[in-house]
Amino acid sequence: MAHGYQNYSPEQGYLLPVNPLDWLPSDSLAFQVYEIVGEFDLTFVHAAYSADGRGAPAFAPQMLLGVLLYGHYKGVHSSRAVKRLCIEDLGARFLTGGIVPDHRSIHLFKVRHQDSIKELFKFSVHLCKAAGMTPLDHVAVDGSKFPGAASKDSSVTYVRIVDEEARLTAEIDAVLAQGFEADAAEDAQWGADHDGFSLPDHLKNRQDRLAELRKGKAELESRARDRETARKEEWDKTAPKDRPHRKTPDPETAVPEPDDRYNFVDSESRMMKGRRQYVQGYNAQVSVDSAHQVIVACGITNDCTDYEQLIPMVAQTAANMGKRPAQTLADSGYYTNRAMLALEESELDALVPPDNKWQRDKTISPPLTEAEQEELNRRDRMHHRLTTEQGRADYGYRMKTVEPVFAQIKGSPGNPLFTRFLRYGIKRADVDWHFTCMAHNLRKLIRFRAKKEDENKETVHKASRRVRKSPKFKNMVIEGI
């Protein structure tokens, strides 16, 4: 008995043209990305291309930007993986219009438009602002350590560099002495014009390694001098009674710490302490609005700590949004007297605990008067605010605002998204981080608009039901109107 299967002929050619809009459901992510990219002002991107008609036609910036965003949402970040996505993924094929750009073209697009990507991040912030998603009532600042493209095994301590430099210098001297002896013997045997003095390959490799070691050593010594210079500047600004010690910092005599490290693959990255392990990478910073977890400012630093990042992030937030946040929240890693003083002078409200003492203190303190607060020093005033009922409620926004954003960006162990930088150098990492934050904002905007559309449909549906149930409508139906 024959089975009633439907016809199955995947190799059958189409007799009529295919409509790409029929390939995917109406709520497909590809359609959403296509619509959101269509709202972008790409004037500064187009300006980078030739307008005189010479040369081969370039790929449309809207197409490359759309497929890069789509790939980011799919957890695909490398140029080769994005190219493979354009071949195998139906949504990516729709965004490219059936074109398969080469991985070099995808990579060069990111390289050519590094500054433009930062502007596109600002534009994503403005789109969210226009949608009413960023009231700036509470803005939380935080950072997370992301591994870089270089392995931490490529980092070498200052002590090891010095020892390796001495060992290689001795080996090179010994090989050179041996070469001179051989040259003298060959001159006596074959004559002075014979090429018996060329260096062997193993000696050339040693010299290259020695040059790299000396470069790393000089870089670590330069960092030590820069640190001591910063300490000297801070020392000069501090009153003598408040100085931590009596010895004046001297940049000229500064030497690296024995454990200072230099990475020979990505010298701009740093060894940083993450949550569960040390990573060789960068410190990614974000400033997030509490209403819809929109990133309103972002940046990259190779500073292992967050002490110097609060003021730049607050300033960038005000610049991107056109106004200052009502309140800024950050953890104790951002607290410095210098930062708190700068915020007070700018009349910016901030809740930044100086330590974790307030968490151990479970009591609720009654609010003090302004006169009583004036008698306290800056650290005690901040501790008091955090132990009041209002202070605890305000600071509670920090964890539920910024912590989920990093979780959403990194994904989960079973579905990892953006977990490391794939290109060398802090400038490229900064561009990739801006692109990642822009993609996060656009995903929030897409979901916000979809929710608003559903709410509007539900409102219309409820209104229609109320009309149909009204006596007046029933009488109209009975009378045939």
Protein backbone atom coordinates (compact mmCIF):
# COMPACT_ATOMS: atom_id res chain seq x y z
CA MET A 1 0.00 0.00 0.00
CA ALA A 2 1.50 3.37 -1.01
CA HIS A 3 2.09 6.00 1.67
CA GLY A 4 0.54 9.45 1.18
CA TYR A 5 3.74 11.45 1.52
CA GLN A 6 4.07 14.97 0.23
CA ASN A 7 6.39 15.49 -2.71
CA TYR A 8 10.04 15.74 -1.63
CA SER A 9 12.43 17.04 -4.31
CA PRO A 10 15.02 19.38 -2.74
CA GLU A 11 17.01 19.46 -5.98
CA GLN A 12 14.01 20.69 -8.01
CA GLY A 13 14.58 24.13 -9.54
CA TYR A 14 12.07 26.94 -9.04
CA LEU A 15 9.82 27.65 -12.00
CA LEU A 16 9.01 31.18 -10.78
CA PRO A 17 11.16 33.85 -9.02
CA VAL A 18 11.40 33.39 -5.26
CA ASN A 19 10.41 36.19 -2.85
CA PRO A 20 13.10 36.40 -0.10
CA LEU A 21 10.50 37.79 2.31
CA ASP A 22 8.79 34.39 2.25
CA TRP A 23 11.87 32.57 3.51
CA LEU A 24 11.52 33.66 7.15
CA PRO A 25 8.66 34.36 9.60
CA SER A 26 7.59 37.97 9.95
CA ASP A 27 9.18 38.31 13.40
CA SER A 28 12.58 36.96 12.29
CA LEU A 29 15.68 38.56 13.80
CA ALA A 30 17.01 39.22 10.30
CA PHE A 31 14.03 41.45 9.47
CA GLN A 32 14.45 43.32 12.75
CA VAL A 33 18.15 43.92 12.11
CA TYR A 34 17.40 45.06 8.56
CA GLU A 35 14.84 47.61 9.81
CA ILE A 36 17.05 48.96 12.61
CA VAL A 37 20.09 49.39 10.34
CA GLY A 38 17.85 51.29 7.91
CA GLU A 39 17.36 53.95 10.62
CA PHE A 40 21.09 54.60 10.99
CA ASP A 41 22.61 57.78 9.61
CA LEU A 42 25.60 56.40 7.70
CA THR A 43 26.74 59.69 6.14
CA PHE A 44 30.16 59.52 7.83
CA VAL A 45 30.52 55.91 6.67
CA HIS A 46 29.75 56.76 3.04
CA ALA A 47 32.29 59.60 3.19
CA ALA A 48 35.12 57.04 3.42
CA TYR A 49 34.36 55.70 -0.08
CA SER A 50 35.25 57.15 -3.46
CA ALA A 51 32.48 59.22 -5.02
CA ASP A 52 34.00 59.66 -8.50
CA GLY A 53 32.94 56.24 -9.80
CA ARG A 54 36.45 54.90 -10.23
CA GLY A 55 37.41 51.43 -9.06
CA ALA A 56 35.32 48.35 -8.45
CA PRO A 57 31.99 48.88 -6.64
CA ALA A 58 32.26 48.37 -2.88
CA PHE A 59 29.87 46.32 -0.78
CA ALA A 60 27.01 48.40 0.61
CA PRO A 61 27.84 49.52 4.19
CA GLN A 62 24.25 48.72 5.24
CA MET A 63 24.76 45.12 4.15
CA LEU A 64 28.07 44.61 5.97
CA LEU A 65 26.88 46.38 9.12
CA GLY A 66 23.65 44.36 9.14
CA VAL A 67 25.37 41.00 8.76
CA LEU A 68 27.94 41.91 11.45
CA LEU A 69 25.12 42.77 13.86
CA TYR A 70 23.24 39.61 12.94
CA GLY A 71 26.38 37.54 13.47
CA HIS A 72 26.94 39.15 16.87
CA TYR A 73 23.45 38.15 17.97
CA LYS A 74 24.22 34.60 16.81
CA GLY A 75 27.46 34.52 18.83
CA VAL A 76 29.63 34.76 15.68
CA HIS A 77 32.43 37.36 15.79
CA SER A 78 35.36 36.37 13.57
CA SER A 79 35.35 37.47 9.92
CA ARG A 80 35.69 33.90 8.62
CA ALA A 81 32.81 32.69 10.77
CA VAL A 82 30.63 35.58 9.54
CA LYS A 83 31.42 34.60 5.93
CA ARG A 84 30.37 31.01 6.70
CA LEU A 85 27.17 32.39 8.24
CA CYS A 86 26.42 34.20 4.95
CA ILE A 87 26.55 30.82 3.20
CA GLU A 88 24.71 28.58 5.66
CA ASP A 89 22.27 30.84 7.56
CA LEU A 90 19.01 31.90 5.90
CA GLY A 91 18.74 35.15 7.84
CA ALA A 92 22.28 36.17 6.89
CA ARG A 93 21.61 35.30 3.24
CA PHE A 94 18.58 37.61 3.33
CA LEU A 95 20.64 40.47 4.84
CA THR A 96 23.36 40.11 2.20
CA GLY A 97 20.88 39.73 -0.67
CA GLY A 98 22.46 36.42 -1.64
CA ILE A 99 25.96 37.95 -1.82
CA VAL A 100 28.79 36.20 0.03
CA PRO A 101 31.41 38.81 1.01
CA ASP A 102 34.96 37.55 1.48
CA HIS A 103 36.30 37.44 5.04
CA ARG A 104 38.96 40.03 4.08
CA SER A 105 36.22 42.46 3.02
CA ILE A 106 34.39 41.94 6.32
CA HIS A 107 37.59 42.51 8.30
CA LEU A 108 38.61 45.58 6.27
CA PHE A 109 35.17 47.09 6.85
CA LYS A 110 35.79 46.96 10.61
CA VAL A 111 39.32 48.32 10.20
CA ARG A 112 38.36 51.16 7.83
CA HIS A 113 35.41 52.34 9.94
CA GLN A 114 36.89 52.09 13.43
CA ASP A 115 36.00 55.68 14.32
CA SER A 116 32.60 55.39 12.63
CA ILE A 117 31.67 52.39 14.81
CA LYS A 118 32.15 54.55 17.90
CA GLU A 119 29.80 57.12 16.38
CA LEU A 120 27.29 54.36 15.62
CA PHE A 121 27.33 53.42 19.30
CA LYS A 122 26.38 57.02 20.15
CA PHE A 123 23.62 56.84 17.53
CA SER A 124 22.25 53.68 19.20
CA VAL A 125 22.15 55.60 22.48
CA HIS A 126 20.23 58.42 20.78
CA LEU A 127 17.72 55.94 19.31
CA CYS A 128 17.08 54.50 22.77
CA LYS A 129 16.79 58.02 24.19
CA ALA A 130 14.25 58.98 21.51
CA ALA A 131 12.21 55.87 22.41
CA GLY A 132 12.07 57.01 26.05
CA MET A 133 14.26 54.21 27.38
CA THR A 134 16.88 56.31 29.22
CA PRO A 135 15.45 58.63 31.90
CA LEU A 136 18.88 58.64 33.69
CA ASP A 137 17.33 58.41 37.15
CA HIS A 138 19.97 55.87 38.16
CA VAL A 139 23.11 55.11 36.15
CA ALA A 140 25.40 52.27 37.27
CA VAL A 141 29.09 52.11 36.31
CA ASP A 142 31.03 48.86 36.36
CA GLY A 143 33.82 46.98 34.60
CA SER A 144 34.61 43.42 33.64
CA LYS A 145 37.85 41.73 32.60
CA PHE A 146 37.76 40.21 29.12
CA PRO A 147 40.60 38.04 27.80
CA GLY A 148 42.46 39.44 24.81
CA ALA A 149 43.74 37.69 21.72
CA ALA A 150 47.11 36.97 23.36
CA SER A 151 47.64 34.06 25.74
CA LYS A 152 48.70 34.76 29.30
CA ASP A 153 51.48 32.20 28.75
CA SER A 154 53.12 34.81 26.49
CA SER A 155 53.62 37.13 29.49
CA VAL A 156 57.05 37.16 31.10
CA THR A 157 58.04 38.74 34.41
CA TYR A 158 60.73 41.42 34.66
CA VAL A 159 63.04 39.08 36.61
CA ARG A 160 62.79 36.39 33.95
CA ILE A 161 63.46 38.95 31.19
CA VAL A 162 66.64 40.08 32.95
CA ASP A 163 67.82 36.48 33.47
CA GLU A 164 66.98 35.50 29.89
CA GLU A 165 68.76 38.58 28.56
CA ALA A 166 71.93 37.65 30.45
CA ARG A 167 71.74 34.03 29.30
CA LEU A 168 71.22 34.92 25.63
CA THR A 169 73.96 37.57 25.73
CA ALA A 170 76.42 34.98 27.07
CA GLU A 171 75.35 32.45 24.41
CA ILE A 172 75.70 35.02 21.61
CA ASP A 173 79.14 36.10 22.85
CA ALA A 174 80.24 32.47 22.93
CA VAL A 175 78.94 31.78 19.41
CA LEU A 176 80.54 34.98 18.09
CA ALA A 177 83.88 34.05 19.67
CA GLN A 178 83.60 30.62 18.10
CA GLY A 179 82.79 32.26 14.76
CA PHE A 180 85.78 34.57 14.96
CA GLU A 181 88.06 31.61 15.61
CA ALA A 182 86.53 29.75 12.66
CA ASP A 183 86.90 32.84 10.45
CA ALA A 184 90.60 33.12 11.32
CA ALA A 185 91.17 29.46 10.50
CA GLU A 186 89.21 29.73 7.21
CA ASP A 187 91.09 32.90 6.24
CA ALA A 188 94.33 31.04 6.70
CA GLN A 189 93.00 28.08 4.70
CA TRP A 190 90.91 29.74 1.88
CA GLY A 191 91.81 33.42 1.93
CA ALA A 192 90.28 36.59 3.32
CA ASP A 193 87.70 36.99 0.52
CA HIS A 194 85.87 33.75 1.28
CA ASP A 195 82.41 34.12 2.83
CA GLY A 196 83.22 32.37 6.07
CA PHE A 197 81.83 35.03 8.42
CA SER A 198 78.05 34.76 7.78
CA LEU A 199 76.10 34.18 10.97
CA PRO A 200 74.30 30.84 11.34
CA ASP A 201 70.48 30.74 11.61
CA HIS A 202 70.49 29.75 15.27
CA LEU A 203 72.56 32.84 16.09
CA LYS A 204 70.16 35.07 14.13
CA ASN A 205 67.22 33.66 16.08
CA ARG A 206 68.99 34.29 19.37
CA GLN A 207 69.66 37.87 18.36
CA ASP A 208 66.01 38.37 17.46
CA ARG A 209 64.92 36.97 20.81
CA LEU A 210 67.44 39.19 22.59
CA ALA A 211 66.07 42.25 20.77
CA GLU A 212 62.51 41.37 21.83
CA LEU A 213 63.62 40.84 25.43
CA ARG A 214 65.35 44.20 25.51
CA LYS A 215 62.23 45.83 24.03
CA GLY A 216 60.08 44.25 26.78
CA LYS A 217 62.56 45.26 29.45
CA ALA A 218 62.56 48.88 28.26
CA GLU A 219 58.74 48.88 28.22
CA LEU A 220 58.51 47.64 31.82
CA GLU A 221 61.07 50.23 32.95
CA SER A 222 59.05 52.93 31.17
CA ARG A 223 55.88 51.80 32.95
CA ALA A 224 57.69 51.94 36.30
CA ARG A 225 58.78 55.52 35.62
CA ASP A 226 55.24 56.49 34.58
CA ARG A 227 53.82 55.00 37.80
CA GLU A 228 56.36 56.86 39.90
CA THR A 229 55.64 60.10 38.01
CA ALA A 230 51.93 59.74 38.77
CA ARG A 231 52.75 59.09 42.45
CA LYS A 232 54.98 62.17 42.48
CA GLU A 233 52.18 64.34 41.05
CA GLU A 234 49.75 62.99 43.65
CA TRP A 235 52.39 63.56 46.35
CA ASP A 236 52.83 67.20 45.37
CA LYS A 237 49.06 67.81 45.47
CA THR A 238 48.64 66.19 48.93
CA ALA A 239 49.11 68.14 52.15
CA PRO A 240 52.18 66.98 54.15
CA LYS A 241 50.06 65.71 57.05
CA ASP A 242 47.98 63.52 54.68
CA ARG A 243 50.90 61.94 52.80
CA PRO A 244 51.11 58.16 53.24
CA HIS A 245 54.89 58.17 53.85
CA ARG A 246 57.82 60.59 54.18
CA LYS A 247 59.92 59.45 51.21
CA THR A 248 59.37 61.61 48.13
CA PRO A 249 58.71 59.56 44.96
CA ASP A 250 61.56 59.83 42.44
CA PRO A 251 60.75 58.81 38.82
CA GLU A 252 64.46 58.82 37.88
CA THR A 253 65.27 55.95 40.25
CA ALA A 254 62.10 53.93 39.59
CA VAL A 255 62.60 50.26 38.75
CA PRO A 256 59.98 47.63 37.81
CA GLU A 257 58.65 45.24 40.40
CA PRO A 258 59.99 41.69 40.00
CA ASP A 259 56.49 40.41 39.19
CA ASP A 260 55.71 43.09 36.55
CA ARG A 261 54.83 41.33 33.31
CA TYR A 262 55.22 42.03 29.60
CA ASN A 263 53.30 40.17 26.91
CA PHE A 264 55.29 39.58 23.72
CA VAL A 265 52.19 38.96 21.56
CA ASP A 266 49.96 41.88 22.65
CA SER A 267 52.10 44.31 24.60
CA GLU A 268 49.14 46.64 25.29
CA SER A 269 47.15 43.97 27.15
CA ARG A 270 47.71 43.30 30.84
CA MET A 271 47.52 40.37 33.23
CA MET A 272 44.36 41.01 35.26
CA LYS A 273 42.64 39.25 38.11
CA GLY A 274 39.21 38.09 37.00
CA ARG A 275 36.47 36.58 39.10
CA ARG A 276 37.77 33.02 39.01
CA GLN A 277 41.18 33.27 37.32
CA TYR A 278 43.80 35.59 35.93
CA VAL A 279 43.26 36.73 32.34
CA GLN A 280 45.53 38.41 29.81
CA GLY A 281 43.31 41.09 28.38
CA TYR A 282 41.54 44.39 28.98
CA ASN A 283 39.20 46.03 31.47
CA ALA A 284 35.88 46.79 29.71
CA GLN A 285 33.83 49.61 31.24
CA VAL A 286 30.13 50.43 30.85
CA SER A 287 27.68 52.98 32.20
CA VAL A 288 24.12 51.59 32.22
CA ASP A 289 20.76 53.28 32.70
CA SER A 290 18.54 51.46 35.20
CA ALA A 291 15.22 51.81 33.33
CA HIS A 292 15.88 49.39 30.44
CA GLN A 293 19.57 48.44 30.91
CA VAL A 294 20.72 50.58 27.99
CA ILE A 295 24.49 51.18 27.85
CA VAL A 296 24.90 54.96 27.69
CA ALA A 297 28.71 55.02 27.80
CA CYS A 298 31.48 52.47 27.31
CA GLY A 299 35.24 52.20 26.99
CA ILE A 300 38.33 50.00 27.28
CA THR A 301 41.38 50.38 29.51
CA ASN A 302 44.40 48.25 30.29
CA ASP A 303 44.41 49.48 33.88
CA CYS A 304 43.86 46.47 36.13
CA THR A 305 41.84 48.53 38.65
CA ASP A 306 38.74 50.72 38.35
CA TYR A 307 39.98 53.62 40.49
CA GLU A 308 40.55 56.04 37.61
CA GLN A 309 37.51 55.09 35.52
CA LEU A 310 34.57 56.71 37.35
CA ILE A 311 35.08 60.33 36.25
CA PRO A 312 35.67 59.48 32.55
CA MET A 313 32.55 57.28 32.44
CA VAL A 314 30.37 59.95 34.09
CA ALA A 315 31.72 62.57 31.67
CA GLN A 316 31.08 60.34 28.66
CA THR A 317 27.55 59.61 29.89
CA ALA A 318 26.77 63.33 30.09
CA ALA A 319 28.30 63.93 26.63
CA ASN A 320 26.37 61.09 24.95
CA MET A 321 23.03 61.89 26.59
CA GLY A 322 23.18 65.68 26.58
CA LYS A 323 22.47 65.80 30.32
CA ARG A 324 23.93 64.50 33.54
CA PRO A 325 22.51 61.48 35.39
CA ALA A 326 20.45 62.18 38.47
CA GLN A 327 22.45 59.62 40.44
CA THR A 328 25.56 57.53 39.67
CA LEU A 329 26.14 54.16 41.32
CA ALA A 330 29.40 52.19 41.46
CA ASP A 331 31.05 49.57 43.66
CA SER A 332 33.90 50.14 46.11
CA GLY A 333 36.53 49.54 43.42
CA TYR A 334 35.78 53.03 42.04
CA TYR A 335 36.11 54.96 45.30
CA THR A 336 38.95 57.46 45.58
CA ASN A 337 39.03 60.74 47.46
CA ARG A 338 40.05 62.51 44.26
CA ALA A 339 37.05 61.14 42.32
CA MET A 340 34.59 61.90 45.12
CA LEU A 341 35.93 65.44 45.44
CA ALA A 342 35.56 66.01 41.69
CA LEU A 343 31.95 64.78 41.76
CA GLU A 344 31.13 66.99 44.75
CA GLU A 345 32.62 70.05 43.03
CA SER A 346 30.51 69.27 39.94
CA GLU A 347 27.43 68.82 42.15
CA LEU A 348 26.89 65.28 40.90
CA ASP A 349 25.15 62.82 43.19
CA ALA A 350 26.98 59.50 43.51
CA LEU A 351 26.74 56.45 45.75
CA VAL A 352 30.12 54.73 45.85
CA PRO A 353 30.97 52.75 49.01
CA PRO A 354 34.53 53.31 50.28
CA ASP A 355 34.63 49.71 51.54
CA ASN A 356 32.33 46.80 52.39
CA LYS A 357 31.79 47.90 56.00
CA TRP A 358 28.26 49.14 55.28
CA GLN A 359 27.23 45.65 54.06
CA ARG A 360 28.27 44.08 57.35
CA ASP A 361 26.40 46.80 59.25
CA LYS A 362 22.79 45.59 59.02
CA THR A 363 21.32 48.45 61.06
CA ILE A 364 19.20 51.15 59.38
CA SER A 365 20.54 54.57 60.34
CA PRO A 366 18.18 57.55 60.65
CA PRO A 367 19.05 60.41 58.26
CA LEU A 368 21.35 63.05 59.70
CA THR A 369 20.88 66.77 59.26
CA GLU A 370 23.20 68.70 56.95
CA ALA A 371 24.96 70.19 59.97
CA GLU A 372 25.56 66.73 61.45
CA GLN A 373 26.88 65.44 58.12
CA GLU A 374 29.32 68.36 57.87
CA GLU A 375 31.02 67.09 61.02
CA LEU A 376 31.80 63.75 59.33
CA ASN A 377 34.64 63.17 56.90
CA ARG A 378 33.92 62.11 53.32
CA ARG A 379 34.19 58.36 53.89
CA ASP A 380 31.95 58.43 56.97
CA ARG A 381 29.34 60.53 55.16
CA MET A 382 29.20 58.00 52.34
CA HIS A 383 28.96 55.13 54.83
CA HIS A 384 26.11 56.89 56.60
CA ARG A 385 24.17 57.44 53.35
CA LEU A 386 24.48 53.77 52.44
CA THR A 387 23.13 52.65 55.82
CA THR A 388 20.01 54.81 55.61
CA GLU A 389 16.81 53.31 54.26
CA GLN A 390 16.84 55.57 51.19
CA GLY A 391 20.52 54.92 50.53
CA ARG A 392 20.11 51.15 50.62
CA ALA A 393 17.12 51.39 48.27
CA ASP A 394 19.02 53.59 45.81
CA TYR A 395 22.17 51.48 45.86
CA GLY A 396 20.08 48.36 45.26
CA TYR A 397 19.65 49.56 41.66
CA ARG A 398 23.36 48.96 40.96
CA MET A 399 23.36 45.18 41.02
CA LYS A 400 20.11 44.75 39.09
CA THR A 401 21.18 47.34 36.52
CA VAL A 402 24.77 46.65 35.44
CA GLU A 403 25.45 43.06 36.49
CA PRO A 404 22.77 41.57 34.17
CA VAL A 405 24.21 43.54 31.25
CA PHE A 406 27.56 41.73 31.44
CA ALA A 407 25.69 38.44 31.78
CA GLN A 408 23.65 39.22 28.67
CA ILE A 409 26.78 40.17 26.71
CA LYS A 410 28.80 37.12 27.73
CA GLY A 411 25.93 34.64 27.47
CA SER A 412 26.03 31.37 29.39
CA PRO A 413 28.39 28.36 29.38
CA GLY A 414 25.97 26.52 27.11
CA ASN A 415 25.47 29.55 24.86
CA PRO A 416 28.58 31.77 24.98
CA LEU A 417 28.34 35.10 23.17
CA PHE A 418 31.08 37.75 23.46
CA THR A 419 33.69 36.30 25.80
CA ARG A 420 37.05 37.61 24.50
CA PHE A 421 38.65 40.06 22.09
CA LEU A 422 39.91 38.55 18.86
CA ARG A 423 42.26 41.32 17.69
CA TYR A 424 45.54 42.65 19.11
CA GLY A 425 45.91 46.15 20.53
CA ILE A 426 43.85 48.37 22.79
CA LYS A 427 42.50 50.49 19.91
CA ARG A 428 41.04 47.46 18.11
CA ALA A 429 39.67 46.13 21.41
CA ASP A 430 38.01 49.50 22.04
CA VAL A 431 36.33 49.38 18.61
CA ASP A 432 35.10 45.82 19.18
CA TRP A 433 33.75 46.79 22.61
CA HIS A 434 31.85 49.77 21.18
CA PHE A 435 30.35 47.50 18.53
CA THR A 436 29.35 44.97 21.20
CA CYS A 437 27.68 47.65 23.32
CA MET A 438 25.92 49.07 20.26
CA ALA A 439 24.55 45.61 19.42
CA HIS A 440 23.35 45.25 23.03
CA ASN A 441 21.48 48.57 22.83
CA LEU A 442 19.86 47.72 19.50
CA ARG A 443 18.67 44.36 20.86
CA LYS A 444 17.08 46.23 23.79
CA LEU A 445 15.48 48.70 21.39
CA ILE A 446 14.07 45.93 19.18
CA ARG A 447 12.50 44.18 22.17
CA PHE A 448 11.18 47.46 23.58
CA ARG A 449 9.46 48.31 20.29
CA ALA A 450 8.03 44.80 19.96
CA LYS A 451 6.64 45.03 23.49
CA LYS A 452 5.10 48.43 22.76
CA GLU A 453 3.53 47.08 19.58
CA ASP A 454 2.04 44.12 21.47
CA GLU A 455 0.70 46.46 24.15
CA ASN A 456 -0.90 48.67 21.50
CA LYS A 457 -2.53 45.65 19.85
CA GLU A 458 -3.80 44.46 23.21
CA THR A 459 -5.20 47.93 23.96
CA VAL A 460 -7.00 48.02 20.62
CA HIS A 461 -8.32 44.50 21.18
CA LYS A 462 -9.66 45.35 24.65
CA ALA A 463 -11.27 48.53 23.35
CA SER A 464 -12.90 46.57 20.55
CA ARG A 465 -14.24 44.00 23.04
CA ARG A 466 -15.70 46.77 25.20
CA VAL A 467 -17.43 48.29 22.17
CA ARG A 468 -18.87 44.93 21.08
CA LYS A 469 -20.23 44.28 24.58
CA SER A 470 -21.84 47.70 24.93
CA PRO A 471 -25.70 47.85 24.69
CA LYS A 472 -25.48 50.54 22.03
CA PHE A 473 -23.44 48.27 19.74
CA LYS A 474 -25.88 45.36 20.27
CA ASN A 475 -28.84 47.59 19.36
CA MET A 476 -27.01 48.73 16.23
CA VAL A 477 -26.49 45.09 15.22
CA ILE A 478 -30.14 44.21 15.88
CA GLU A 479 -31.36 47.19 13.86
CA GLY A 480 -28.99 46.22 11.00
CA ILE A 481 -26.95 49.40 11.13
